[in-house]
Amino acid sequence: MMEKLRILAVDDNSISLAAIEQELKRDYEVIPVNSGERALQYLKRERPNLILMDIQMAQKSGIETLREIRGMDRCRDIPVIMLTSKQDKASVVESSKLGVFDYVIKPFKGDDLLRRIERVLREHK
């Protein structure tokens, strides 16, 4: 059996994290973490195939976290999809500058999220 690709899901909202995990667990190994700090700690040890990250988080925003990830040699090229309920232009522009592959608005539809993940993983091979 083929090993599942790993997705690091970063969101400080436990309901969102549970929804992401529920939606993706059949096709992917999902590593849920509830803060940017925890994501950075995980990335020091492991390298997922993709990162799904919320923009609005309490201690450290998704954009601040992504800026640090892009500064890590072994993680700078991991594809990232931003998840957010925030549709302000500044966030889109800032995350684009940091090389975000896609931008998914919450609440998301499961099949839409899966399609976007598959497309990003295909394009990033």
PDB file of N, CA and C in Angstrom:
ATOM      1  N   MET A   1       0.834  -1.190   0.000  1.00  0.00           N
ATOM      2  CA  MET A   1       0.000   0.000   0.000  1.00  0.00           C
ATOM      3  C   MET A   1       0.883   1.259   0.000  1.00  0.00           C
ATOM      4  N   MET A   2       0.488   2.231  -0.788  1.00  0.00           N
ATOM      5  CA  MET A   2       1.265   3.450  -0.875  1.00  0.00           C
ATOM      6  C   MET A   2       1.089   4.296   0.385  1.00  0.00           C
ATOM      7  N   GLU A   3       2.164   4.920   0.789  1.00  0.00           N
ATOM      8  CA  GLU A   3       2.101   5.794   1.958  1.00  0.00           C
ATOM      9  C   GLU A   3       1.312   7.058   1.598  1.00  0.00           C
ATOM     10  N   LYS A   4       0.464   7.496   2.519  1.00  0.00           N
ATOM     11  CA  LYS A   4      -0.326   8.708   2.276  1.00  0.00           C
ATOM     12  C   LYS A   4       0.558   9.943   2.355  1.00  0.00           C
ATOM     13  N   LEU A   5       0.231  10.925   1.534  1.00  0.00           N
ATOM     14  CA  LEU A   5       0.929  12.205   1.617  1.00  0.00           C
ATOM     15  C   LEU A   5       0.496  12.899   2.905  1.00  0.00           C
ATOM     16  N   ARG A   6       1.423  13.669   3.482  1.00  0.00           N
ATOM     17  CA  ARG A   6       1.150  14.333   4.752  1.00  0.00           C
ATOM     18  C   ARG A   6       0.787  15.800   4.560  1.00  0.00           C
ATOM     19  N   ILE A   7      -0.268  16.210   5.238  1.00  0.00           N
ATOM     20  CA  ILE A   7      -0.701  17.600   5.216  1.00  0.00           C
ATOM     21  C   ILE A   7      -0.677  18.139   6.638  1.00  0.00           C
ATOM     22  N   LEU A   8       0.052  19.231   6.821  1.00  0.00           N
ATOM     23  CA  LEU A   8       0.071  19.916   8.107  1.00  0.00           C
ATOM     24  C   LEU A   8      -1.070  20.930   8.083  1.00  0.00           C
ATOM     25  N   ALA A   9      -2.045  20.753   8.984  1.00  0.00           N
ATOM     26  CA  ALA A   9      -3.193  21.661   9.059  1.00  0.00           C
ATOM     27  C   ALA A   9      -3.007  22.563  10.274  1.00  0.00           C
ATOM     28  N   VAL A  10      -2.984  23.867  10.038  1.00  0.00           N
ATOM     29  CA  VAL A  10      -2.709  24.830  11.104  1.00  0.00           C
ATOM     30  C   VAL A  10      -3.905  25.768  11.252  1.00  0.00           C
ATOM     31  N   ASP A  11      -4.588  25.674  12.399  1.00  0.00           N
ATOM     32  CA  ASP A  11      -5.750  26.526  12.642  1.00  0.00           C
ATOM     33  C   ASP A  11      -5.981  26.559  14.149  1.00  0.00           C
ATOM     34  N   ASP A  12      -6.199  27.748  14.705  1.00  0.00           N
ATOM     35  CA  ASP A  12      -6.408  27.819  16.155  1.00  0.00           C
ATOM     36  C   ASP A  12      -7.867  27.548  16.539  1.00  0.00           C
ATOM     37  N   ASN A  13      -8.696  27.281  15.548  1.00  0.00           N
ATOM     38  CA  ASN A  13     -10.099  26.947  15.805  1.00  0.00           C
ATOM     39  C   ASN A  13     -10.254  25.422  15.735  1.00  0.00           C
ATOM     40  N   SER A  14     -10.565  24.803  16.881  1.00  0.00           N
ATOM     41  CA  SER A  14     -10.621  23.338  16.933  1.00  0.00           C
ATOM     42  C   SER A  14     -11.719  22.766  16.036  1.00  0.00           C
ATOM     43  N   ILE A  15     -12.792  23.504  15.841  1.00  0.00           N
ATOM     44  CA  ILE A  15     -13.874  23.022  14.967  1.00  0.00           C
ATOM     45  C   ILE A  15     -13.394  22.987  13.516  1.00  0.00           C
ATOM     46  N   SER A  16     -12.687  24.031  13.099  1.00  0.00           N
ATOM     47  CA  SER A  16     -12.127  24.051  11.740  1.00  0.00           C
ATOM     48  C   SER A  16     -11.125  22.918  11.545  1.00  0.00           C
ATOM     49  N   LEU A  17     -10.254  22.732  12.536  1.00  0.00           N
ATOM     50  CA  LEU A  17      -9.255  21.654  12.445  1.00  0.00           C
ATOM     51  C   LEU A  17      -9.933  20.298  12.309  1.00  0.00           C
ATOM     52  N   ALA A  18     -10.975  20.082  13.107  1.00  0.00           N
ATOM     53  CA  ALA A  18     -11.698  18.805  13.056  1.00  0.00           C
ATOM     54  C   ALA A  18     -12.349  18.617  11.687  1.00  0.00           C
ATOM     55  N   ALA A  19     -12.903  19.696  11.129  1.00  0.00           N
ATOM     56  CA  ALA A  19     -13.543  19.619   9.809  1.00  0.00           C
ATOM     57  C   ALA A  19     -12.511  19.290   8.726  1.00  0.00           C
ATOM     58  N   ILE A  20     -11.347  19.912   8.812  1.00  0.00           N
ATOM     59  CA  ILE A  20     -10.274  19.645   7.839  1.00  0.00           C
ATOM     60  C   ILE A  20      -9.855  18.178   7.937  1.00  0.00           C
ATOM     61  N   GLU A  21      -9.625  17.741   9.162  1.00  0.00           N
ATOM     62  CA  GLU A  21      -9.181  16.363   9.376  1.00  0.00           C
ATOM     63  C   GLU A  21     -10.220  15.368   8.852  1.00  0.00           C
ATOM     64  N   GLN A  22     -11.479  15.609   9.172  1.00  0.00           N
ATOM     65  CA  GLN A  22     -12.578  14.739   8.746  1.00  0.00           C
ATOM     66  C   GLN A  22     -12.619  14.656   7.215  1.00  0.00           C
ATOM     67  N   GLU A  23     -12.453  15.784   6.570  1.00  0.00           N
ATOM     68  CA  GLU A  23     -12.549  15.880   5.125  1.00  0.00           C
ATOM     69  C   GLU A  23     -11.392  15.185   4.410  1.00  0.00           C
ATOM     70  N   LEU A  24     -10.206  15.238   5.002  1.00  0.00           N
ATOM     71  CA  LEU A  24      -9.000  14.789   4.290  1.00  0.00           C
ATOM     72  C   LEU A  24      -8.454  13.440   4.726  1.00  0.00           C
ATOM     73  N   LYS A  25      -8.897  12.933   5.885  1.00  0.00           N
ATOM     74  CA  LYS A  25      -8.234  11.755   6.470  1.00  0.00           C
ATOM     75  C   LYS A  25      -8.301  10.492   5.610  1.00  0.00           C
ATOM     76  N   ARG A  26      -9.285  10.401   4.728  1.00  0.00           N
ATOM     77  CA  ARG A  26      -9.370   9.216   3.877  1.00  0.00           C
ATOM     78  C   ARG A  26      -8.216   9.184   2.863  1.00  0.00           C
ATOM     79  N   ASP A  27      -7.847  10.368   2.361  1.00  0.00           N
ATOM     80  CA  ASP A  27      -6.846  10.449   1.300  1.00  0.00           C
ATOM     81  C   ASP A  27      -5.453  10.851   1.762  1.00  0.00           C
ATOM     82  N   TYR A  28      -5.383  11.509   2.925  1.00  0.00           N
ATOM     83  CA  TYR A  28      -4.103  12.054   3.380  1.00  0.00           C
ATOM     84  C   TYR A  28      -3.887  11.777   4.862  1.00  0.00           C
ATOM     85  N   GLU A  29      -2.613  11.808   5.258  1.00  0.00           N
ATOM     86  CA  GLU A  29      -2.295  11.787   6.685  1.00  0.00           C
ATOM     87  C   GLU A  29      -2.318  13.249   7.123  1.00  0.00           C
ATOM     88  N   VAL A  30      -3.232  13.590   8.017  1.00  0.00           N
ATOM     89  CA  VAL A  30      -3.383  14.977   8.450  1.00  0.00           C
ATOM     90  C   VAL A  30      -2.734  15.159   9.820  1.00  0.00           C
ATOM     91  N   ILE A  31      -1.860  16.158   9.910  1.00  0.00           N
ATOM     92  CA  ILE A  31      -1.235  16.496  11.183  1.00  0.00           C
ATOM     93  C   ILE A  31      -1.848  17.819  11.630  1.00  0.00           C
ATOM     94  N   PRO A  32      -2.791  17.765  12.594  1.00  0.00           N
ATOM     95  CA  PRO A  32      -3.446  18.998  13.032  1.00  0.00           C
ATOM     96  C   PRO A  32      -2.647  19.685  14.138  1.00  0.00           C
ATOM     97  N   VAL A  33      -2.396  20.979  13.977  1.00  0.00           N
ATOM     98  CA  VAL A  33      -1.778  21.766  15.052  1.00  0.00           C
ATOM     99  C   VAL A  33      -2.581  23.049  15.216  1.00  0.00           C
ATOM    100  N   ASN A  34      -2.644  23.539  16.465  1.00  0.00           N
ATOM    101  CA  ASN A  34      -3.557  24.652  16.731  1.00  0.00           C
ATOM    102  C   ASN A  34      -2.879  26.004  16.897  1.00  0.00           C
ATOM    103  N   SER A  35      -1.621  26.134  16.425  1.00  0.00           N
ATOM    104  CA  SER A  35      -0.964  27.445  16.481  1.00  0.00           C
ATOM    105  C   SER A  35       0.203  27.494  15.504  1.00  0.00           C
ATOM    106  N   GLY A  36       0.575  28.715  15.142  1.00  0.00           N
ATOM    107  CA  GLY A  36       1.729  28.908  14.280  1.00  0.00           C
ATOM    108  C   GLY A  36       2.999  28.385  14.939  1.00  0.00           C
ATOM    109  N   GLU A  37       3.124  28.601  16.244  1.00  0.00           N
ATOM    110  CA  GLU A  37       4.302  28.120  16.981  1.00  0.00           C
ATOM    111  C   GLU A  37       4.435  26.603  16.878  1.00  0.00           C
ATOM    112  N   ARG A  38       3.308  25.911  17.084  1.00  0.00           N
ATOM    113  CA  ARG A  38       3.348  24.436  17.006  1.00  0.00           C
ATOM    114  C   ARG A  38       3.709  23.980  15.598  1.00  0.00           C
ATOM    115  N   ALA A  39       3.216  24.705  14.605  1.00  0.00           N
ATOM    116  CA  ALA A  39       3.539  24.371  13.214  1.00  0.00           C
ATOM    117  C   ALA A  39       5.055  24.487  13.006  1.00  0.00           C
ATOM    118  N   LEU A  40       5.639  25.557  13.503  1.00  0.00           N
ATOM    119  CA  LEU A  40       7.084  25.763  13.338  1.00  0.00           C
ATOM    120  C   LEU A  40       7.880  24.679  14.067  1.00  0.00           C
ATOM    121  N   GLN A  41       7.418  24.297  15.263  1.00  0.00           N
ATOM    122  CA  GLN A  41       8.090  23.218  16.006  1.00  0.00           C
ATOM    123  C   GLN A  41       8.036  21.916  15.208  1.00  0.00           C
ATOM    124  N   TYR A  42       6.873  21.605  14.652  1.00  0.00           N
ATOM    125  CA  TYR A  42       6.716  20.382  13.849  1.00  0.00           C
ATOM    126  C   TYR A  42       7.658  20.419  12.645  1.00  0.00           C
ATOM    127  N   LEU A  43       7.725  21.570  11.976  1.00  0.00           N
ATOM    128  CA  LEU A  43       8.531  21.696  10.762  1.00  0.00           C
ATOM    129  C   LEU A  43      10.030  21.604  11.024  1.00  0.00           C
ATOM    130  N   LYS A  44      10.447  21.801  12.257  1.00  0.00           N
ATOM    131  CA  LYS A  44      11.867  21.625  12.580  1.00  0.00           C
ATOM    132  C   LYS A  44      12.231  20.146  12.556  1.00  0.00           C
ATOM    133  N   ARG A  45      11.222  19.281  12.763  1.00  0.00           N
ATOM    134  CA  ARG A  45      11.458  17.826  12.816  1.00  0.00           C
ATOM    135  C   ARG A  45      11.007  17.102  11.558  1.00  0.00           C
ATOM    136  N   GLU A  46       9.928  17.552  10.968  1.00  0.00           N
ATOM    137  CA  GLU A  46       9.293  16.819   9.862  1.00  0.00           C
ATOM    138  C   GLU A  46       9.066  17.739   8.672  1.00  0.00           C
ATOM    139  N   ARG A  47       8.809  17.103   7.513  1.00  0.00           N
ATOM    140  CA  ARG A  47       8.537  17.876   6.303  1.00  0.00           C
ATOM    141  C   ARG A  47       7.278  17.319   5.631  1.00  0.00           C
ATOM    142  N   PRO A  48       6.152  18.020   5.797  1.00  0.00           N
ATOM    143  CA  PRO A  48       4.915  17.546   5.161  1.00  0.00           C
ATOM    144  C   PRO A  48       4.945  17.830   3.657  1.00  0.00           C
ATOM    145  N   ASN A  49       3.999  17.245   2.929  1.00  0.00           N
ATOM    146  CA  ASN A  49       3.912  17.483   1.484  1.00  0.00           C
ATOM    147  C   ASN A  49       3.197  18.794   1.171  1.00  0.00           C
ATOM    148  N   LEU A  50       2.383  19.260   2.134  1.00  0.00           N
ATOM    149  CA  LEU A  50       1.606  20.474   1.922  1.00  0.00           C
ATOM    150  C   LEU A  50       1.211  21.049   3.278  1.00  0.00           C
ATOM    151  N   ILE A  51       1.033  22.371   3.323  1.00  0.00           N
ATOM    152  CA  ILE A  51       0.570  23.026   4.555  1.00  0.00           C
ATOM    153  C   ILE A  51      -0.730  23.756   4.249  1.00  0.00           C
ATOM    154  N   LEU A  52      -1.735  23.503   5.077  1.00  0.00           N
ATOM    155  CA  LEU A  52      -3.009  24.246   5.020  1.00  0.00           C
ATOM    156  C   LEU A  52      -2.980  25.153   6.239  1.00  0.00           C
ATOM    157  N   MET A  53      -3.106  26.464   6.050  1.00  0.00           N
ATOM    158  CA  MET A  53      -2.958  27.338   7.202  1.00  0.00           C
ATOM    159  C   MET A  53      -3.995  28.446   7.225  1.00  0.00           C
ATOM    160  N   ASP A  54      -4.555  28.639   8.414  1.00  0.00           N
ATOM    161  CA  ASP A  54      -5.494  29.733   8.624  1.00  0.00           C
ATOM    162  C   ASP A  54      -4.694  31.030   8.705  1.00  0.00           C
ATOM    163  N   ILE A  55      -5.263  32.121   8.213  1.00  0.00           N
ATOM    164  CA  ILE A  55      -4.569  33.411   8.303  1.00  0.00           C
ATOM    165  C   ILE A  55      -4.749  34.021   9.684  1.00  0.00           C
ATOM    166  N   GLN A  56      -5.974  34.022  10.192  1.00  0.00           N
ATOM    167  CA  GLN A  56      -6.238  34.661  11.486  1.00  0.00           C
ATOM    168  C   GLN A  56      -6.081  33.668  12.621  1.00  0.00           C
ATOM    169  N   MET A  57      -4.985  33.814  13.368  1.00  0.00           N
ATOM    170  CA  MET A  57      -4.780  32.984  14.550  1.00  0.00           C
ATOM    171  C   MET A  57      -4.335  33.898  15.684  1.00  0.00           C
ATOM    172  N   ALA A  58      -4.618  33.474  16.906  1.00  0.00           N
ATOM    173  CA  ALA A  58      -4.404  34.330  18.080  1.00  0.00           C
ATOM    174  C   ALA A  58      -2.967  34.821  18.264  1.00  0.00           C
ATOM    175  N   GLN A  59      -2.044  33.933  18.638  1.00  0.00           N
ATOM    176  CA  GLN A  59      -0.697  34.419  18.970  1.00  0.00           C
ATOM    177  C   GLN A  59       0.084  34.876  17.743  1.00  0.00           C
ATOM    178  N   LYS A  60       0.118  34.060  16.732  1.00  0.00           N
ATOM    179  CA  LYS A  60       0.928  34.343  15.550  1.00  0.00           C
ATOM    180  C   LYS A  60       0.066  34.089  14.331  1.00  0.00           C
ATOM    181  N   SER A  61      -0.085  35.097  13.492  1.00  0.00           N
ATOM    182  CA  SER A  61      -0.959  34.940  12.321  1.00  0.00           C
ATOM    183  C   SER A  61      -0.369  33.944  11.333  1.00  0.00           C
ATOM    184  N   GLY A  62      -1.197  33.490  10.414  1.00  0.00           N
ATOM    185  CA  GLY A  62      -0.733  32.585   9.371  1.00  0.00           C
ATOM    186  C   GLY A  62       0.337  33.232   8.510  1.00  0.00           C
ATOM    187  N   ILE A  63       0.206  34.536   8.286  1.00  0.00           N
ATOM    188  CA  ILE A  63       1.190  35.236   7.459  1.00  0.00           C
ATOM    189  C   ILE A  63       2.532  35.336   8.182  1.00  0.00           C
ATOM    190  N   GLU A  64       2.502  35.642   9.487  1.00  0.00           N
ATOM    191  CA  GLU A  64       3.750  35.680  10.269  1.00  0.00           C
ATOM    192  C   GLU A  64       4.400  34.298  10.289  1.00  0.00           C
ATOM    193  N   THR A  65       3.574  33.274  10.482  1.00  0.00           N
ATOM    194  CA  THR A  65       4.081  31.896  10.513  1.00  0.00           C
ATOM    195  C   THR A  65       4.690  31.539   9.163  1.00  0.00           C
ATOM    196  N   LEU A  66       3.989  31.873   8.084  1.00  0.00           N
ATOM    197  CA  LEU A  66       4.475  31.560   6.744  1.00  0.00           C
ATOM    198  C   LEU A  66       5.798  32.274   6.463  1.00  0.00           C
ATOM    199  N   ARG A  67       5.918  33.498   6.927  1.00  0.00           N
ATOM    200  CA  ARG A  67       7.168  34.248   6.731  1.00  0.00           C
ATOM    201  C   ARG A  67       8.335  33.469   7.367  1.00  0.00           C
ATOM    202  N   GLU A  68       8.095  32.916   8.559  1.00  0.00           N
ATOM    203  CA  GLU A  68       9.147  32.128   9.234  1.00  0.00           C
ATOM    204  C   GLU A  68       9.414  30.815   8.492  1.00  0.00           C
ATOM    205  N   ILE A  69       8.356  30.179   7.995  1.00  0.00           N
ATOM    206  CA  ILE A  69       8.521  28.917   7.251  1.00  0.00           C
ATOM    207  C   ILE A  69       9.376  29.164   6.006  1.00  0.00           C
ATOM    208  N   ARG A  70       9.100  30.258   5.302  1.00  0.00           N
ATOM    209  CA  ARG A  70       9.856  30.568   4.084  1.00  0.00           C
ATOM    210  C   ARG A  70      11.320  30.863   4.393  1.00  0.00           C
ATOM    211  N   GLY A  71      11.605  31.195   5.651  1.00  0.00           N
ATOM    212  CA  GLY A  71      12.991  31.432   6.062  1.00  0.00           C
ATOM    213  C   GLY A  71      13.728  30.158   6.462  1.00  0.00           C
ATOM    214  N   MET A  72      13.020  29.050   6.539  1.00  0.00           N
ATOM    215  CA  MET A  72      13.638  27.769   6.924  1.00  0.00           C
ATOM    216  C   MET A  72      14.090  27.051   5.656  1.00  0.00           C
ATOM    217  N   ASP A  73      15.383  26.758   5.547  1.00  0.00           N
ATOM    218  CA  ASP A  73      15.919  26.155   4.330  1.00  0.00           C
ATOM    219  C   ASP A  73      15.155  24.935   3.848  1.00  0.00           C
ATOM    220  N   ARG A  74      14.910  23.996   4.739  1.00  0.00           N
ATOM    221  CA  ARG A  74      14.293  22.737   4.308  1.00  0.00           C
ATOM    222  C   ARG A  74      12.787  22.836   4.071  1.00  0.00           C
ATOM    223  N   CYS A  75      12.190  23.977   4.389  1.00  0.00           N
ATOM    224  CA  CYS A  75      10.729  24.094   4.274  1.00  0.00           C
ATOM    225  C   CYS A  75      10.278  25.190   3.313  1.00  0.00           C
ATOM    226  N   ARG A  76      11.219  25.948   2.774  1.00  0.00           N
ATOM    227  CA  ARG A  76      10.807  27.132   2.010  1.00  0.00           C
ATOM    228  C   ARG A  76      10.016  26.803   0.756  1.00  0.00           C
ATOM    229  N   ASP A  77      10.154  25.586   0.239  1.00  0.00           N
ATOM    230  CA  ASP A  77       9.441  25.256  -1.004  1.00  0.00           C
ATOM    231  C   ASP A  77       8.208  24.379  -0.790  1.00  0.00           C
ATOM    232  N   ILE A  78       7.801  24.170   0.455  1.00  0.00           N
ATOM    233  CA  ILE A  78       6.588  23.376   0.710  1.00  0.00           C
ATOM    234  C   ILE A  78       5.384  24.202   0.233  1.00  0.00           C
ATOM    235  N   PRO A  79       4.504  23.593  -0.581  1.00  0.00           N
ATOM    236  CA  PRO A  79       3.330  24.355  -1.020  1.00  0.00           C
ATOM    237  C   PRO A  79       2.385  24.649   0.146  1.00  0.00           C
ATOM    238  N   VAL A  80       1.848  25.875   0.145  1.00  0.00           N
ATOM    239  CA  VAL A  80       0.962  26.311   1.215  1.00  0.00           C
ATOM    240  C   VAL A  80      -0.352  26.795   0.613  1.00  0.00           C
ATOM    241  N   ILE A  81      -1.442  26.356   1.222  1.00  0.00           N
ATOM    242  CA  ILE A  81      -2.773  26.852   0.874  1.00  0.00           C
ATOM    243  C   ILE A  81      -3.279  27.591   2.107  1.00  0.00           C
ATOM    244  N   MET A  82      -3.653  28.849   1.933  1.00  0.00           N
ATOM    245  CA  MET A  82      -4.193  29.624   3.047  1.00  0.00           C
ATOM    246  C   MET A  82      -5.693  29.398   3.145  1.00  0.00           C
ATOM    247  N   LEU A  83      -6.151  29.200   4.367  1.00  0.00           N
ATOM    248  CA  LEU A  83      -7.582  29.054   4.649  1.00  0.00           C
ATOM    249  C   LEU A  83      -7.993  30.284   5.433  1.00  0.00           C
ATOM    250  N   THR A  84      -9.092  30.902   5.057  1.00  0.00           N
ATOM    251  CA  THR A  84      -9.480  32.076   5.821  1.00  0.00           C
ATOM    252  C   THR A  84     -10.920  32.475   5.607  1.00  0.00           C
ATOM    253  N   SER A  85     -11.434  33.154   6.598  1.00  0.00           N
ATOM    254  CA  SER A  85     -12.760  33.750   6.439  1.00  0.00           C
ATOM    255  C   SER A  85     -12.553  35.212   6.079  1.00  0.00           C
ATOM    256  N   LYS A  86     -11.303  35.621   6.116  1.00  0.00           N
ATOM    257  CA  LYS A  86     -10.899  36.990   5.827  1.00  0.00           C
ATOM    258  C   LYS A  86     -10.670  37.156   4.327  1.00  0.00           C
ATOM    259  N   GLN A  87     -11.335  38.110   3.717  1.00  0.00           N
ATOM    260  CA  GLN A  87     -11.143  38.300   2.282  1.00  0.00           C
ATOM    261  C   GLN A  87     -10.529  39.656   1.962  1.00  0.00           C
ATOM    262  N   ASP A  88      -9.791  40.207   2.945  1.00  0.00           N
ATOM    263  CA  ASP A  88      -9.242  41.533   2.661  1.00  0.00           C
ATOM    264  C   ASP A  88      -8.043  41.429   1.728  1.00  0.00           C
ATOM    265  N   LYS A  89      -7.905  42.451   0.900  1.00  0.00           N
ATOM    266  CA  LYS A  89      -6.905  42.454  -0.149  1.00  0.00           C
ATOM    267  C   LYS A  89      -5.480  42.373   0.405  1.00  0.00           C
ATOM    268  N   ALA A  90      -5.226  43.050   1.515  1.00  0.00           N
ATOM    269  CA  ALA A  90      -3.872  43.072   2.092  1.00  0.00           C
ATOM    270  C   ALA A  90      -3.387  41.658   2.420  1.00  0.00           C
ATOM    271  N   SER A  91      -4.262  40.826   2.975  1.00  0.00           N
ATOM    272  CA  SER A  91      -3.883  39.445   3.313  1.00  0.00           C
ATOM    273  C   SER A  91      -3.578  38.639   2.067  1.00  0.00           C
ATOM    274  N   VAL A  92      -4.393  38.840   1.035  1.00  0.00           N
ATOM    275  CA  VAL A  92      -4.183  38.114  -0.233  1.00  0.00           C
ATOM    276  C   VAL A  92      -2.841  38.532  -0.833  1.00  0.00           C
ATOM    277  N   VAL A  93      -2.591  39.826  -0.869  1.00  0.00           N
ATOM    278  CA  VAL A  93      -1.354  40.340  -1.455  1.00  0.00           C
ATOM    279  C   VAL A  93      -0.143  39.853  -0.656  1.00  0.00           C
ATOM    280  N   GLU A  94      -0.221  39.947   0.668  1.00  0.00           N
ATOM    281  CA  GLU A  94       0.892  39.546   1.526  1.00  0.00           C
ATOM    282  C   GLU A  94       1.179  38.054   1.389  1.00  0.00           C
ATOM    283  N   SER A  95       0.133  37.230   1.403  1.00  0.00           N
ATOM    284  CA  SER A  95       0.366  35.785   1.281  1.00  0.00           C
ATOM    285  C   SER A  95       0.855  35.430  -0.118  1.00  0.00           C
ATOM    286  N   SER A  96       0.425  36.164  -1.131  1.00  0.00           N
ATOM    287  CA  SER A  96       0.915  35.925  -2.496  1.00  0.00           C
ATOM    288  C   SER A  96       2.408  36.196  -2.592  1.00  0.00           C
ATOM    289  N   LYS A  97       2.856  37.273  -1.949  1.00  0.00           N
ATOM    290  CA  LYS A  97       4.288  37.608  -1.954  1.00  0.00           C
ATOM    291  C   LYS A  97       5.099  36.481  -1.326  1.00  0.00           C
ATOM    292  N   LEU A  98       4.491  35.765  -0.387  1.00  0.00           N
ATOM    293  CA  LEU A  98       5.189  34.678   0.312  1.00  0.00           C
ATOM    294  C   LEU A  98       5.016  33.340  -0.407  1.00  0.00           C
ATOM    295  N   GLY A  99       4.484  33.383  -1.616  1.00  0.00           N
ATOM    296  CA  GLY A  99       4.425  32.178  -2.434  1.00  0.00           C
ATOM    297  C   GLY A  99       3.316  31.204  -2.086  1.00  0.00           C
ATOM    298  N   VAL A 100       2.171  31.712  -1.696  1.00  0.00           N
ATOM    299  CA  VAL A 100       1.040  30.837  -1.408  1.00  0.00           C
ATOM    300  C   VAL A 100       0.516  30.265  -2.725  1.00  0.00           C
ATOM    301  N   PHE A 101       0.143  28.997  -2.724  1.00  0.00           N
ATOM    302  CA  PHE A 101      -0.315  28.347  -3.940  1.00  0.00           C
ATOM    303  C   PHE A 101      -1.803  28.530  -4.197  1.00  0.00           C
ATOM    304  N   ASP A 102      -2.565  28.696  -3.122  1.00  0.00           N
ATOM    305  CA  ASP A 102      -4.007  28.870  -3.286  1.00  0.00           C
ATOM    306  C   ASP A 102      -4.546  29.529  -2.032  1.00  0.00           C
ATOM    307  N   TYR A 103      -5.805  29.896  -2.122  1.00  0.00           N
ATOM    308  CA  TYR A 103      -6.441  30.676  -1.095  1.00  0.00           C
ATOM    309  C   TYR A 103      -7.870  30.157  -0.992  1.00  0.00           C
ATOM    310  N   VAL A 104      -8.249  29.528   0.123  1.00  0.00           N
ATOM    311  CA  VAL A 104      -9.572  28.928   0.267  1.00  0.00           C
ATOM    312  C   VAL A 104     -10.370  29.695   1.317  1.00  0.00           C
ATOM    313  N   ILE A 105     -11.559  30.126   0.938  1.00  0.00           N
ATOM    314  CA  ILE A 105     -12.415  30.889   1.844  1.00  0.00           C
ATOM    315  C   ILE A 105     -13.238  29.935   2.715  1.00  0.00           C
ATOM    316  N   LYS A 106     -13.265  30.219   4.030  1.00  0.00           N
ATOM    317  CA  LYS A 106     -14.085  29.436   4.962  1.00  0.00           C
ATOM    318  C   LYS A 106     -15.475  30.059   5.019  1.00  0.00           C
ATOM    319  N   PRO A 107     -16.499  29.295   5.266  1.00  0.00           N
ATOM    320  CA  PRO A 107     -16.468  27.829   5.369  1.00  0.00           C
ATOM    321  C   PRO A 107     -16.257  27.206   3.991  1.00  0.00           C
ATOM    322  N   PHE A 108     -15.386  26.214   3.937  1.00  0.00           N
ATOM    323  CA  PHE A 108     -15.068  25.582   2.656  1.00  0.00           C
ATOM    324  C   PHE A 108     -15.948  24.364   2.414  1.00  0.00           C
ATOM    325  N   LYS A 109     -16.073  23.996   1.161  1.00  0.00           N
ATOM    326  CA  LYS A 109     -16.755  22.748   0.796  1.00  0.00           C
ATOM    327  C   LYS A 109     -15.664  21.690   0.679  1.00  0.00           C
ATOM    328  N   GLY A 110     -15.924  20.529   1.265  1.00  0.00           N
ATOM    329  CA  GLY A 110     -14.927  19.466   1.297  1.00  0.00           C
ATOM    330  C   GLY A 110     -14.381  19.079  -0.060  1.00  0.00           C
ATOM    331  N   ASP A 111     -15.280  18.887  -1.042  1.00  0.00           N
ATOM    332  CA  ASP A 111     -14.816  18.444  -2.361  1.00  0.00           C
ATOM    333  C   ASP A 111     -13.998  19.540  -3.045  1.00  0.00           C
ATOM    334  N   ASP A 112     -14.333  20.802  -2.790  1.00  0.00           N
ATOM    335  CA  ASP A 112     -13.568  21.910  -3.353  1.00  0.00           C
ATOM    336  C   ASP A 112     -12.166  21.925  -2.745  1.00  0.00           C
ATOM    337  N   LEU A 113     -12.073  21.768  -1.431  1.00  0.00           N
ATOM    338  CA  LEU A 113     -10.778  21.748  -0.758  1.00  0.00           C
ATOM    339  C   LEU A 113      -9.921  20.598  -1.298  1.00  0.00           C
ATOM    340  N   LEU A 114     -10.517  19.416  -1.427  1.00  0.00           N
ATOM    341  CA  LEU A 114      -9.782  18.259  -1.952  1.00  0.00           C
ATOM    342  C   LEU A 114      -9.261  18.512  -3.361  1.00  0.00           C
ATOM    343  N   ARG A 115     -10.099  19.068  -4.213  1.00  0.00           N
ATOM    344  CA  ARG A 115      -9.689  19.368  -5.598  1.00  0.00           C
ATOM    345  C   ARG A 115      -8.516  20.342  -5.624  1.00  0.00           C
ATOM    346  N   ARG A 116      -8.588  21.354  -4.797  1.00  0.00           N
ATOM    347  CA  ARG A 116      -7.514  22.353  -4.755  1.00  0.00           C
ATOM    348  C   ARG A 116      -6.207  21.735  -4.257  1.00  0.00           C
ATOM    349  N   ILE A 117      -6.298  20.902  -3.227  1.00  0.00           N
ATOM    350  CA  ILE A 117      -5.109  20.227  -2.689  1.00  0.00           C
ATOM    351  C   ILE A 117      -4.491  19.338  -3.766  1.00  0.00           C
ATOM    352  N   GLU A 118      -5.335  18.560  -4.438  1.00  0.00           N
ATOM    353  CA  GLU A 118      -4.831  17.661  -5.485  1.00  0.00           C
ATOM    354  C   GLU A 118      -4.153  18.451  -6.602  1.00  0.00           C
ATOM    355  N   ARG A 119      -4.748  19.574  -6.984  1.00  0.00           N
ATOM    356  CA  ARG A 119      -4.173  20.394  -8.060  1.00  0.00           C
ATOM    357  C   ARG A 119      -2.803  20.948  -7.636  1.00  0.00           C
ATOM    358  N   VAL A 120      -2.721  21.471  -6.420  1.00  0.00           N
ATOM    359  CA  VAL A 120      -1.458  22.038  -5.945  1.00  0.00           C
ATOM    360  C   VAL A 120      -0.386  20.952  -5.862  1.00  0.00           C
ATOM    361  N   LEU A 121      -0.747  19.780  -5.344  1.00  0.00           N
ATOM    362  CA  LEU A 121       0.232  18.693  -5.232  1.00  0.00           C
ATOM    363  C   LEU A 121       0.692  18.215  -6.616  1.00  0.00           C
ATOM    364  N   ARG A 122      -0.230  18.169  -7.571  1.00  0.00           N
ATOM    365  CA  ARG A 122       0.116  17.763  -8.950  1.00  0.00           C
ATOM    366  C   ARG A 122       1.081  18.771  -9.571  1.00  0.00           C
ATOM    367  N   GLU A 123       0.760  20.057  -9.421  1.00  0.00           N
ATOM    368  CA  GLU A 123       1.581  21.110 -10.021  1.00  0.00           C
ATOM    369  C   GLU A 123       2.943  21.232  -9.336  1.00  0.00           C
ATOM    370  N   HIS A 124       3.019  20.797  -8.100  1.00  0.00           N
ATOM    371  CA  HIS A 124       4.254  21.013  -7.333  1.00  0.00           C
ATOM    372  C   HIS A 124       5.214  19.829  -7.378  1.00  0.00           C
ATOM    373  N   LYS A 125       4.845  18.764  -8.050  1.00  0.00           N
ATOM    374  CA  LYS A 125       5.720  17.565  -8.079  1.00  0.00           C
ATOM    375  C   LYS A 125       7.118  17.883  -8.556  1.00  0.00           C
TER     376      LYS A 125
END
